[in-house]
């Protein structure tokens, strides 16, 4: 399920992303998905 997108700008002068940074950002996206769905579940519970 597409919940959203993070659009970020690296610090000026930073090197292109290496595999380590890609891994980190990917898991951050997954964690934000978890946080977002948890918030949605809370809202659904309140409406119930």
ModelCIF file with pLDDT and N, C-alpha, C, O atoms, coordinates in Angstrom:
data_MODEL
#
_entry.id   MODEL 
#
_entity.id                         1 
_entity.type                       polymer 
_entity.pdbx_number_of_molecules   1 
#
_entity_poly.entity_id                      1 
_entity_poly.type                           'polypeptide(L)' 
_entity_poly.nstd_linkage                   no 
_entity_poly.nstd_monomer                   no 
_entity_poly.pdbx_seq_one_letter_code       
;(UNK)(UNK)(UNK)(UNK)(UNK)(UNK)(UNK)(UNK)(UNK)(UNK)(UNK)(UNK)(UNK)(UNK)(UNK)(UNK)
(UNK)(UNK)(UNK)(UNK)(UNK)(UNK)(UNK)(UNK)(UNK)(UNK)(UNK)(UNK)(UNK)(UNK)(UNK)(UNK)
(UNK)(UNK)(UNK)(UNK)(UNK)(UNK)(UNK)(UNK)(UNK)(UNK)(UNK)(UNK)(UNK)(UNK)(UNK)(UNK)
;
_entity_poly.pdbx_seq_one_letter_code_can   XXXXXXXXXXXXXXXXXXXXXXXXXXXXXXXXXXXXXXXXXXXXXXXX 
_entity_poly.pdbx_strand_id                 A 
#
loop_
_entity_poly_seq.entity_id 
_entity_poly_seq.num 
_entity_poly_seq.mon_id 
_entity_poly_seq.hetero 
1 1  UNK n 
1 2  UNK n 
1 3  UNK n 
1 4  UNK n 
1 5  UNK n 
1 6  UNK n 
1 7  UNK n 
1 8  UNK n 
1 9  UNK n 
1 10 UNK n 
1 11 UNK n 
1 12 UNK n 
1 13 UNK n 
1 14 UNK n 
1 15 UNK n 
1 16 UNK n 
1 17 UNK n 
1 18 UNK n 
1 19 UNK n 
1 20 UNK n 
1 21 UNK n 
1 22 UNK n 
1 23 UNK n 
1 24 UNK n 
1 25 UNK n 
1 26 UNK n 
1 27 UNK n 
1 28 UNK n 
1 29 UNK n 
1 30 UNK n 
1 31 UNK n 
1 32 UNK n 
1 33 UNK n 
1 34 UNK n 
1 35 UNK n 
1 36 UNK n 
1 37 UNK n 
1 38 UNK n 
1 39 UNK n 
1 40 UNK n 
1 41 UNK n 
1 42 UNK n 
1 43 UNK n 
1 44 UNK n 
1 45 UNK n 
1 46 UNK n 
1 47 UNK n 
1 48 UNK n 
#
_struct_asym.id          A 
_struct_asym.entity_id   1 
#
loop_
_ma_qa_metric.id 
_ma_qa_metric.mode 
_ma_qa_metric.name 
_ma_qa_metric.software_group_id 
_ma_qa_metric.type 
1 global pLDDT . pLDDT 
2 local  pLDDT . pLDDT 
#
_ma_qa_metric_global.metric_id      1 
_ma_qa_metric_global.metric_value   80.65 
_ma_qa_metric_global.model_id       1 
_ma_qa_metric_global.ordinal_id     1 
#
loop_
_ma_qa_metric_local.label_asym_id 
_ma_qa_metric_local.label_comp_id 
_ma_qa_metric_local.label_seq_id 
_ma_qa_metric_local.metric_id 
_ma_qa_metric_local.metric_value 
_ma_qa_metric_local.model_id 
_ma_qa_metric_local.ordinal_id 
A UNK 1  2 83.00 1 1  
A UNK 2  2 87.00 1 2  
A UNK 3  2 86.00 1 3  
A UNK 4  2 87.00 1 4  
A UNK 5  2 90.00 1 5  
A UNK 6  2 91.00 1 6  
A UNK 7  2 90.00 1 7  
A UNK 8  2 90.00 1 8  
A UNK 9  2 89.00 1 9  
A UNK 10 2 89.00 1 10 
A UNK 11 2 88.00 1 11 
A UNK 12 2 84.00 1 12 
A UNK 13 2 81.00 1 13 
A UNK 14 2 85.00 1 14 
A UNK 15 2 88.00 1 15 
A UNK 16 2 89.00 1 16 
A UNK 17 2 89.00 1 17 
A UNK 18 2 88.00 1 18 
A UNK 19 2 87.00 1 19 
A UNK 20 2 86.00 1 20 
A UNK 21 2 86.00 1 21 
A UNK 22 2 89.00 1 22 
A UNK 23 2 87.00 1 23 
A UNK 24 2 87.00 1 24 
A UNK 25 2 89.00 1 25 
A UNK 26 2 90.00 1 26 
A UNK 27 2 86.00 1 27 
A UNK 28 2 87.00 1 28 
A UNK 29 2 87.00 1 29 
A UNK 30 2 86.00 1 30 
A UNK 31 2 81.00 1 31 
A UNK 32 2 81.00 1 32 
A UNK 33 2 82.00 1 33 
A UNK 34 2 77.00 1 34 
A UNK 35 2 73.00 1 35 
A UNK 36 2 72.00 1 36 
A UNK 37 2 73.00 1 37 
A UNK 38 2 69.00 1 38 
A UNK 39 2 65.00 1 39 
A UNK 40 2 65.00 1 40 
A UNK 41 2 64.00 1 41 
A UNK 42 2 63.00 1 42 
A UNK 43 2 63.00 1 43 
A UNK 44 2 60.00 1 44 
A UNK 45 2 64.00 1 45 
A UNK 46 2 65.00 1 46 
A UNK 47 2 67.00 1 47 
A UNK 48 2 66.00 1 48 
#
loop_
_atom_site.group_PDB 
_atom_site.id 
_atom_site.type_symbol 
_atom_site.label_atom_id 
_atom_site.label_alt_id 
_atom_site.label_comp_id 
_atom_site.label_asym_id 
_atom_site.label_entity_id 
_atom_site.label_seq_id 
_atom_site.pdbx_PDB_ins_code 
_atom_site.Cartn_x 
_atom_site.Cartn_y 
_atom_site.Cartn_z 
_atom_site.occupancy 
_atom_site.B_iso_or_equiv 
_atom_site.pdbx_formal_charge 
_atom_site.auth_seq_id 
_atom_site.auth_comp_id 
_atom_site.auth_asym_id 
_atom_site.auth_atom_id 
_atom_site.pdbx_PDB_model_num 
ATOM 1   N N  . UNK A 1 1  ? 0.841   -1.197 0.000  1.00 83.00 ? 1  UNK A N  1 
ATOM 2   C CA . UNK A 1 1  ? 0.000   0.000  0.000  1.00 83.00 ? 1  UNK A CA 1 
ATOM 3   C C  . UNK A 1 1  ? 0.875   1.246  0.000  1.00 83.00 ? 1  UNK A C  1 
ATOM 4   O O  . UNK A 1 1  ? 1.752   1.390  0.852  1.00 83.00 ? 1  UNK A O  1 
ATOM 5   N N  . UNK A 1 2  ? 0.644   2.141  -0.947 1.00 87.00 ? 2  UNK A N  1 
ATOM 6   C CA . UNK A 1 2  ? 1.405   3.379  -1.036 1.00 87.00 ? 2  UNK A CA 1 
ATOM 7   C C  . UNK A 1 2  ? 0.845   4.387  -0.023 1.00 87.00 ? 2  UNK A C  1 
ATOM 8   O O  . UNK A 1 2  ? -0.275  4.873  -0.177 1.00 87.00 ? 2  UNK A O  1 
ATOM 9   N N  . UNK A 1 3  ? 1.626   4.689  0.999  1.00 86.00 ? 3  UNK A N  1 
ATOM 10  C CA . UNK A 1 3  ? 1.191   5.622  2.033  1.00 86.00 ? 3  UNK A CA 1 
ATOM 11  C C  . UNK A 1 3  ? 1.753   7.025  1.811  1.00 86.00 ? 3  UNK A C  1 
ATOM 12  O O  . UNK A 1 3  ? 1.148   8.017  2.218  1.00 86.00 ? 3  UNK A O  1 
ATOM 13  N N  . UNK A 1 4  ? 2.918   7.098  1.159  1.00 87.00 ? 4  UNK A N  1 
ATOM 14  C CA . UNK A 1 4  ? 3.517   8.406  0.937  1.00 87.00 ? 4  UNK A CA 1 
ATOM 15  C C  . UNK A 1 4  ? 4.954   8.282  0.469  1.00 87.00 ? 4  UNK A C  1 
ATOM 16  O O  . UNK A 1 4  ? 5.444   7.193  0.170  1.00 87.00 ? 4  UNK A O  1 
ATOM 17  N N  . UNK A 1 5  ? 5.615   9.429  0.414  1.00 90.00 ? 5  UNK A N  1 
ATOM 18  C CA . UNK A 1 5  ? 7.009   9.487  -0.022 1.00 90.00 ? 5  UNK A CA 1 
ATOM 19  C C  . UNK A 1 5  ? 7.743   10.529 0.811  1.00 90.00 ? 5  UNK A C  1 
ATOM 20  O O  . UNK A 1 5  ? 7.211   11.598 1.109  1.00 90.00 ? 5  UNK A O  1 
ATOM 21  N N  . UNK A 1 6  ? 8.991   10.191 1.184  1.00 91.00 ? 6  UNK A N  1 
ATOM 22  C CA . UNK A 1 6  ? 9.873   11.184 1.783  1.00 91.00 ? 6  UNK A CA 1 
ATOM 23  C C  . UNK A 1 6  ? 10.728  11.749 0.658  1.00 91.00 ? 6  UNK A C  1 
ATOM 24  O O  . UNK A 1 6  ? 11.397  10.999 -0.053 1.00 91.00 ? 6  UNK A O  1 
ATOM 25  N N  . UNK A 1 7  ? 10.711  13.071 0.494  1.00 90.00 ? 7  UNK A N  1 
ATOM 26  C CA . UNK A 1 7  ? 11.594  13.729 -0.465 1.00 90.00 ? 7  UNK A CA 1 
ATOM 27  C C  . UNK A 1 7  ? 12.602  14.524 0.349  1.00 90.00 ? 7  UNK A C  1 
ATOM 28  O O  . UNK A 1 7  ? 12.237  15.474 1.042  1.00 90.00 ? 7  UNK A O  1 
ATOM 29  N N  . UNK A 1 8  ? 13.879  14.133 0.266  1.00 90.00 ? 8  UNK A N  1 
ATOM 30  C CA . UNK A 1 8  ? 14.914  14.725 1.114  1.00 90.00 ? 8  UNK A CA 1 
ATOM 31  C C  . UNK A 1 8  ? 16.065  15.260 0.278  1.00 90.00 ? 8  UNK A C  1 
ATOM 32  O O  . UNK A 1 8  ? 16.343  14.777 -0.820 1.00 90.00 ? 8  UNK A O  1 
ATOM 33  N N  . UNK A 1 9  ? 16.724  16.265 0.826  1.00 89.00 ? 9  UNK A N  1 
ATOM 34  C CA . UNK A 1 9  ? 17.898  16.838 0.178  1.00 89.00 ? 9  UNK A CA 1 
ATOM 35  C C  . UNK A 1 9  ? 19.114  16.581 1.060  1.00 89.00 ? 9  UNK A C  1 
ATOM 36  O O  . UNK A 1 9  ? 19.117  17.002 2.217  1.00 89.00 ? 9  UNK A O  1 
ATOM 37  N N  . UNK A 1 10 ? 20.157  15.900 0.554  1.00 89.00 ? 10 UNK A N  1 
ATOM 38  C CA . UNK A 1 10 ? 21.358  15.655 1.346  1.00 89.00 ? 10 UNK A CA 1 
ATOM 39  C C  . UNK A 1 10 ? 22.075  16.951 1.701  1.00 89.00 ? 10 UNK A C  1 
ATOM 40  O O  . UNK A 1 10 ? 21.849  17.990 1.080  1.00 89.00 ? 10 UNK A O  1 
ATOM 41  N N  . UNK A 1 11 ? 22.943  16.875 2.709  1.00 88.00 ? 11 UNK A N  1 
ATOM 42  C CA . UNK A 1 11 ? 23.755  18.030 3.064  1.00 88.00 ? 11 UNK A CA 1 
ATOM 43  C C  . UNK A 1 11 ? 24.586  18.452 1.848  1.00 88.00 ? 11 UNK A C  1 
ATOM 44  O O  . UNK A 1 11 ? 25.013  17.612 1.056  1.00 88.00 ? 11 UNK A O  1 
ATOM 45  N N  . UNK A 1 12 ? 24.805  19.750 1.712  1.00 84.00 ? 12 UNK A N  1 
ATOM 46  C CA . UNK A 1 12 ? 25.591  20.253 0.588  1.00 84.00 ? 12 UNK A CA 1 
ATOM 47  C C  . UNK A 1 12 ? 26.996  19.658 0.611  1.00 84.00 ? 12 UNK A C  1 
ATOM 48  O O  . UNK A 1 12 ? 27.637  19.597 1.660  1.00 84.00 ? 12 UNK A O  1 
ATOM 49  N N  . UNK A 1 13 ? 27.454  19.233 -0.524 1.00 81.00 ? 13 UNK A N  1 
ATOM 50  C CA . UNK A 1 13 ? 28.778  18.654 -0.619 1.00 81.00 ? 13 UNK A CA 1 
ATOM 51  C C  . UNK A 1 13 ? 28.840  17.170 -0.319 1.00 81.00 ? 13 UNK A C  1 
ATOM 52  O O  . UNK A 1 13 ? 29.913  16.569 -0.366 1.00 81.00 ? 13 UNK A O  1 
ATOM 53  N N  . UNK A 1 14 ? 27.688  16.570 -0.009 1.00 85.00 ? 14 UNK A N  1 
ATOM 54  C CA . UNK A 1 14 ? 27.672  15.146 0.298  1.00 85.00 ? 14 UNK A CA 1 
ATOM 55  C C  . UNK A 1 14 ? 27.934  14.326 -0.963 1.00 85.00 ? 14 UNK A C  1 
ATOM 56  O O  . UNK A 1 14 ? 27.569  14.717 -2.071 1.00 85.00 ? 14 UNK A O  1 
ATOM 57  N N  . UNK A 1 15 ? 28.580  13.177 -0.757 1.00 88.00 ? 15 UNK A N  1 
ATOM 58  C CA . UNK A 1 15 ? 28.802  12.255 -1.868 1.00 88.00 ? 15 UNK A CA 1 
ATOM 59  C C  . UNK A 1 15 ? 27.486  11.571 -2.216 1.00 88.00 ? 15 UNK A C  1 
ATOM 60  O O  . UNK A 1 15 ? 26.580  11.520 -1.384 1.00 88.00 ? 15 UNK A O  1 
ATOM 61  N N  . UNK A 1 16 ? 27.368  11.047 -3.423 1.00 89.00 ? 16 UNK A N  1 
ATOM 62  C CA . UNK A 1 16 ? 26.153  10.295 -3.765 1.00 89.00 ? 16 UNK A CA 1 
ATOM 63  C C  . UNK A 1 16 ? 25.916  9.162  -2.770 1.00 89.00 ? 16 UNK A C  1 
ATOM 64  O O  . UNK A 1 16 ? 26.859  8.666  -2.152 1.00 89.00 ? 16 UNK A O  1 
ATOM 65  N N  . UNK A 1 17 ? 24.674  8.758  -2.619 1.00 89.00 ? 17 UNK A N  1 
ATOM 66  C CA . UNK A 1 17 ? 24.325  7.735  -1.645 1.00 89.00 ? 17 UNK A CA 1 
ATOM 67  C C  . UNK A 1 17 ? 25.082  6.434  -1.909 1.00 89.00 ? 17 UNK A C  1 
ATOM 68  O O  . UNK A 1 17 ? 25.162  5.961  -3.043 1.00 89.00 ? 17 UNK A O  1 
ATOM 69  N N  . UNK A 1 18 ? 25.632  5.872  -0.843 1.00 88.00 ? 18 UNK A N  1 
ATOM 70  C CA . UNK A 1 18 ? 26.205  4.536  -0.958 1.00 88.00 ? 18 UNK A CA 1 
ATOM 71  C C  . UNK A 1 18 ? 25.164  3.530  -0.464 1.00 88.00 ? 18 UNK A C  1 
ATOM 72  O O  . UNK A 1 18 ? 24.067  3.907  -0.052 1.00 88.00 ? 18 UNK A O  1 
ATOM 73  N N  . UNK A 1 19 ? 25.518  2.263  -0.512 1.00 87.00 ? 19 UNK A N  1 
ATOM 74  C CA . UNK A 1 19 ? 24.561  1.219  -0.149 1.00 87.00 ? 19 UNK A CA 1 
ATOM 75  C C  . UNK A 1 19 ? 24.119  1.341  1.306  1.00 87.00 ? 19 UNK A C  1 
ATOM 76  O O  . UNK A 1 19 ? 22.971  1.050  1.642  1.00 87.00 ? 19 UNK A O  1 
ATOM 77  N N  . UNK A 1 20 ? 25.043  1.773  2.164  1.00 86.00 ? 20 UNK A N  1 
ATOM 78  C CA . UNK A 1 20 ? 24.705  1.897  3.586  1.00 86.00 ? 20 UNK A CA 1 
ATOM 79  C C  . UNK A 1 20 ? 23.611  2.943  3.799  1.00 86.00 ? 20 UNK A C  1 
ATOM 80  O O  . UNK A 1 20 ? 22.657  2.709  4.541  1.00 86.00 ? 20 UNK A O  1 
ATOM 81  N N  . UNK A 1 21 ? 23.757  4.107  3.139  1.00 86.00 ? 21 UNK A N  1 
ATOM 82  C CA . UNK A 1 21 ? 22.747  5.154  3.300  1.00 86.00 ? 21 UNK A CA 1 
ATOM 83  C C  . UNK A 1 21 ? 21.424  4.759  2.663  1.00 86.00 ? 21 UNK A C  1 
ATOM 84  O O  . UNK A 1 21 ? 20.361  5.099  3.183  1.00 86.00 ? 21 UNK A O  1 
ATOM 85  N N  . UNK A 1 22 ? 21.477  4.050  1.554  1.00 89.00 ? 22 UNK A N  1 
ATOM 86  C CA . UNK A 1 22 ? 20.228  3.593  0.927  1.00 89.00 ? 22 UNK A CA 1 
ATOM 87  C C  . UNK A 1 22 ? 19.492  2.635  1.851  1.00 89.00 ? 22 UNK A C  1 
ATOM 88  O O  . UNK A 1 22 ? 18.273  2.714  2.006  1.00 89.00 ? 22 UNK A O  1 
ATOM 89  N N  . UNK A 1 23 ? 20.251  1.723  2.467  1.00 87.00 ? 23 UNK A N  1 
ATOM 90  C CA . UNK A 1 23 ? 19.645  0.774  3.403  1.00 87.00 ? 23 UNK A CA 1 
ATOM 91  C C  . UNK A 1 23 ? 18.980  1.509  4.556  1.00 87.00 ? 23 UNK A C  1 
ATOM 92  O O  . UNK A 1 23 ? 17.858  1.193  4.950  1.00 87.00 ? 23 UNK A O  1 
ATOM 93  N N  . UNK A 1 24 ? 19.694  2.499  5.090  1.00 87.00 ? 24 UNK A N  1 
ATOM 94  C CA . UNK A 1 24 ? 19.178  3.253  6.228  1.00 87.00 ? 24 UNK A CA 1 
ATOM 95  C C  . UNK A 1 24 ? 17.901  3.992  5.858  1.00 87.00 ? 24 UNK A C  1 
ATOM 96  O O  . UNK A 1 24 ? 16.921  3.947  6.602  1.00 87.00 ? 24 UNK A O  1 
ATOM 97  N N  . UNK A 1 25 ? 17.902  4.670  4.721  1.00 89.00 ? 25 UNK A N  1 
ATOM 98  C CA . UNK A 1 25 ? 16.721  5.420  4.292  1.00 89.00 ? 25 UNK A CA 1 
ATOM 99  C C  . UNK A 1 25 ? 15.555  4.486  3.998  1.00 89.00 ? 25 UNK A C  1 
ATOM 100 O O  . UNK A 1 25 ? 14.406  4.818  4.292  1.00 89.00 ? 25 UNK A O  1 
ATOM 101 N N  . UNK A 1 26 ? 15.835  3.330  3.425  1.00 90.00 ? 26 UNK A N  1 
ATOM 102 C CA . UNK A 1 26 ? 14.763  2.384  3.119  1.00 90.00 ? 26 UNK A CA 1 
ATOM 103 C C  . UNK A 1 26 ? 14.067  1.912  4.395  1.00 90.00 ? 26 UNK A C  1 
ATOM 104 O O  . UNK A 1 26 ? 12.839  1.859  4.455  1.00 90.00 ? 26 UNK A O  1 
ATOM 105 N N  . UNK A 1 27 ? 14.869  1.566  5.428  1.00 86.00 ? 27 UNK A N  1 
ATOM 106 C CA . UNK A 1 27 ? 14.260  1.105  6.672  1.00 86.00 ? 27 UNK A CA 1 
ATOM 107 C C  . UNK A 1 27 ? 13.552  2.249  7.385  1.00 86.00 ? 27 UNK A C  1 
ATOM 108 O O  . UNK A 1 27 ? 12.563  2.025  8.083  1.00 86.00 ? 27 UNK A O  1 
ATOM 109 N N  . UNK A 1 28 ? 14.050  3.486  7.215  1.00 87.00 ? 28 UNK A N  1 
ATOM 110 C CA . UNK A 1 28 ? 13.325  4.635  7.770  1.00 87.00 ? 28 UNK A CA 1 
ATOM 111 C C  . UNK A 1 28 ? 11.951  4.774  7.113  1.00 87.00 ? 28 UNK A C  1 
ATOM 112 O O  . UNK A 1 28 ? 10.958  5.065  7.778  1.00 87.00 ? 28 UNK A O  1 
ATOM 113 N N  . UNK A 1 29 ? 11.913  4.560  5.790  1.00 87.00 ? 29 UNK A N  1 
ATOM 114 C CA . UNK A 1 29 ? 10.624  4.600  5.102  1.00 87.00 ? 29 UNK A CA 1 
ATOM 115 C C  . UNK A 1 29 ? 9.676   3.537  5.614  1.00 87.00 ? 29 UNK A C  1 
ATOM 116 O O  . UNK A 1 29 ? 8.486   3.795  5.795  1.00 87.00 ? 29 UNK A O  1 
ATOM 117 N N  . UNK A 1 30 ? 10.204  2.322  5.853  1.00 86.00 ? 30 UNK A N  1 
ATOM 118 C CA . UNK A 1 30 ? 9.372   1.242  6.385  1.00 86.00 ? 30 UNK A CA 1 
ATOM 119 C C  . UNK A 1 30 ? 8.881   1.569  7.792  1.00 86.00 ? 30 UNK A C  1 
ATOM 120 O O  . UNK A 1 30 ? 7.737   1.282  8.146  1.00 86.00 ? 30 UNK A O  1 
ATOM 121 N N  . UNK A 1 31 ? 9.765   2.174  8.589  1.00 81.00 ? 31 UNK A N  1 
ATOM 122 C CA . UNK A 1 31 ? 9.381   2.508  9.958  1.00 81.00 ? 31 UNK A CA 1 
ATOM 123 C C  . UNK A 1 31 ? 8.328   3.610  9.967  1.00 81.00 ? 31 UNK A C  1 
ATOM 124 O O  . UNK A 1 31 ? 7.404   3.586  10.780 1.00 81.00 ? 31 UNK A O  1 
ATOM 125 N N  . UNK A 1 32 ? 8.468   4.578  9.058  1.00 81.00 ? 32 UNK A N  1 
ATOM 126 C CA . UNK A 1 32 ? 7.446   5.615  8.949  1.00 81.00 ? 32 UNK A CA 1 
ATOM 127 C C  . UNK A 1 32 ? 6.123   5.023  8.499  1.00 81.00 ? 32 UNK A C  1 
ATOM 128 O O  . UNK A 1 32 ? 5.060   5.471  8.929  1.00 81.00 ? 32 UNK A O  1 
ATOM 129 N N  . UNK A 1 33 ? 6.182   4.005  7.622  1.00 82.00 ? 33 UNK A N  1 
ATOM 130 C CA . UNK A 1 33 ? 4.951   3.325  7.208  1.00 82.00 ? 33 UNK A CA 1 
ATOM 131 C C  . UNK A 1 33 ? 4.275   2.681  8.413  1.00 82.00 ? 33 UNK A C  1 
ATOM 132 O O  . UNK A 1 33 ? 3.053   2.726  8.554  1.00 82.00 ? 33 UNK A O  1 
ATOM 133 N N  . UNK A 1 34 ? 5.096   2.076  9.286  1.00 77.00 ? 34 UNK A N  1 
ATOM 134 C CA . UNK A 1 34 ? 4.544   1.466  10.496 1.00 77.00 ? 34 UNK A CA 1 
ATOM 135 C C  . UNK A 1 34 ? 3.922   2.510  11.397 1.00 77.00 ? 34 UNK A C  1 
ATOM 136 O O  . UNK A 1 34 ? 2.831   2.312  11.931 1.00 77.00 ? 34 UNK A O  1 
ATOM 137 N N  . UNK A 1 35 ? 4.631   3.646  11.570 1.00 73.00 ? 35 UNK A N  1 
ATOM 138 C CA . UNK A 1 35 ? 4.100   4.715  12.414 1.00 73.00 ? 35 UNK A CA 1 
ATOM 139 C C  . UNK A 1 35 ? 2.795   5.259  11.845 1.00 73.00 ? 35 UNK A C  1 
ATOM 140 O O  . UNK A 1 35 ? 1.849   5.527  12.586 1.00 73.00 ? 35 UNK A O  1 
ATOM 141 N N  . UNK A 1 36 ? 2.750   5.421  10.507 1.00 72.00 ? 36 UNK A N  1 
ATOM 142 C CA . UNK A 1 36 ? 1.555   5.969  9.861  1.00 72.00 ? 36 UNK A CA 1 
ATOM 143 C C  . UNK A 1 36 ? 0.369   5.022  9.990  1.00 72.00 ? 36 UNK A C  1 
ATOM 144 O O  . UNK A 1 36 ? -0.741  5.446  10.311 1.00 72.00 ? 36 UNK A O  1 
ATOM 145 N N  . UNK A 1 37 ? 0.612   3.718  9.733  1.00 73.00 ? 37 UNK A N  1 
ATOM 146 C CA . UNK A 1 37 ? -0.486  2.756  9.836  1.00 73.00 ? 37 UNK A CA 1 
ATOM 147 C C  . UNK A 1 37 ? -0.964  2.610  11.280 1.00 73.00 ? 37 UNK A C  1 
ATOM 148 O O  . UNK A 1 37 ? -2.146  2.375  11.529 1.00 73.00 ? 37 UNK A O  1 
ATOM 149 N N  . UNK A 1 38 ? -0.034  2.752  12.231 1.00 69.00 ? 38 UNK A N  1 
ATOM 150 C CA . UNK A 1 38 ? -0.437  2.706  13.645 1.00 69.00 ? 38 UNK A CA 1 
ATOM 151 C C  . UNK A 1 38 ? -1.347  3.872  13.976 1.00 69.00 ? 38 UNK A C  1 
ATOM 152 O O  . UNK A 1 38 ? -2.331  3.725  14.702 1.00 69.00 ? 38 UNK A O  1 
ATOM 153 N N  . UNK A 1 39 ? -1.004  5.048  13.430 1.00 65.00 ? 39 UNK A N  1 
ATOM 154 C CA . UNK A 1 39 ? -1.839  6.227  13.664 1.00 65.00 ? 39 UNK A CA 1 
ATOM 155 C C  . UNK A 1 39 ? -3.206  6.046  13.014 1.00 65.00 ? 39 UNK A C  1 
ATOM 156 O O  . UNK A 1 39 ? -4.229  6.412  13.593 1.00 65.00 ? 39 UNK A O  1 
ATOM 157 N N  . UNK A 1 40 ? -3.220  5.470  11.792 1.00 65.00 ? 40 UNK A N  1 
ATOM 158 C CA . UNK A 1 40 ? -4.490  5.214  11.115 1.00 65.00 ? 40 UNK A CA 1 
ATOM 159 C C  . UNK A 1 40 ? -5.334  4.227  11.915 1.00 65.00 ? 40 UNK A C  1 
ATOM 160 O O  . UNK A 1 40 ? -6.544  4.402  12.064 1.00 65.00 ? 40 UNK A O  1 
ATOM 161 N N  . UNK A 1 41 ? -4.660  3.163  12.440 1.00 64.00 ? 41 UNK A N  1 
ATOM 162 C CA . UNK A 1 41 ? -5.382  2.157  13.225 1.00 64.00 ? 41 UNK A CA 1 
ATOM 163 C C  . UNK A 1 41 ? -5.988  2.782  14.475 1.00 64.00 ? 41 UNK A C  1 
ATOM 164 O O  . UNK A 1 41 ? -7.094  2.429  14.885 1.00 64.00 ? 41 UNK A O  1 
ATOM 165 N N  . UNK A 1 42 ? -5.249  3.719  15.079 1.00 63.00 ? 42 UNK A N  1 
ATOM 166 C CA . UNK A 1 42 ? -5.777  4.408  16.258 1.00 63.00 ? 42 UNK A CA 1 
ATOM 167 C C  . UNK A 1 42 ? -7.024  5.203  15.906 1.00 63.00 ? 42 UNK A C  1 
ATOM 168 O O  . UNK A 1 42 ? -8.005  5.203  16.650 1.00 63.00 ? 42 UNK A O  1 
ATOM 169 N N  . UNK A 1 43 ? -6.975  5.889  14.754 1.00 63.00 ? 43 UNK A N  1 
ATOM 170 C CA . UNK A 1 43 ? -8.133  6.673  14.315 1.00 63.00 ? 43 UNK A CA 1 
ATOM 171 C C  . UNK A 1 43 ? -9.332  5.772  14.041 1.00 63.00 ? 43 UNK A C  1 
ATOM 172 O O  . UNK A 1 43 ? -10.462 6.094  14.411 1.00 63.00 ? 43 UNK A O  1 
ATOM 173 N N  . UNK A 1 44 ? -9.072  4.633  13.384 1.00 60.00 ? 44 UNK A N  1 
ATOM 174 C CA . UNK A 1 44 ? -10.158 3.686  13.100 1.00 60.00 ? 44 UNK A CA 1 
ATOM 175 C C  . UNK A 1 44 ? -10.761 3.176  14.400 1.00 60.00 ? 44 UNK A C  1 
ATOM 176 O O  . UNK A 1 44 ? -11.979 3.034  14.517 1.00 60.00 ? 44 UNK A O  1 
ATOM 177 N N  . UNK A 1 45 ? -9.898  2.900  15.380 1.00 64.00 ? 45 UNK A N  1 
ATOM 178 C CA . UNK A 1 45 ? -10.394 2.440  16.674 1.00 64.00 ? 45 UNK A CA 1 
ATOM 179 C C  . UNK A 1 45 ? -11.267 3.480  17.352 1.00 64.00 ? 45 UNK A C  1 
ATOM 180 O O  . UNK A 1 45 ? -12.291 3.150  17.949 1.00 64.00 ? 45 UNK A O  1 
ATOM 181 N N  . UNK A 1 46 ? -10.855 4.748  17.255 1.00 65.00 ? 46 UNK A N  1 
ATOM 182 C CA . UNK A 1 46 ? -11.643 5.823  17.852 1.00 65.00 ? 46 UNK A CA 1 
ATOM 183 C C  . UNK A 1 46 ? -13.008 5.927  17.172 1.00 65.00 ? 46 UNK A C  1 
ATOM 184 O O  . UNK A 1 46 ? -14.025 6.134  17.835 1.00 65.00 ? 46 UNK A O  1 
ATOM 185 N N  . UNK A 1 47 ? -13.024 5.782  15.847 1.00 67.00 ? 47 UNK A N  1 
ATOM 186 C CA . UNK A 1 47 ? -14.306 5.863  15.131 1.00 67.00 ? 47 UNK A CA 1 
ATOM 187 C C  . UNK A 1 47 ? -15.197 4.673  15.479 1.00 67.00 ? 47 UNK A C  1 
ATOM 188 O O  . UNK A 1 47 ? -16.420 4.796  15.549 1.00 67.00 ? 47 UNK A O  1 
ATOM 189 N N  . UNK A 1 48 ? -14.560 3.512  15.698 1.00 66.00 ? 48 UNK A N  1 
ATOM 190 C CA . UNK A 1 48 ? -15.350 2.343  16.098 1.00 66.00 ? 48 UNK A CA 1 
ATOM 191 C C  . UNK A 1 48 ? -15.989 2.577  17.455 1.00 66.00 ? 48 UNK A C  1 
ATOM 192 O O  . UNK A 1 48 ? -16.694 1.705  17.964 1.00 66.00 ? 48 UNK A O  1 
#
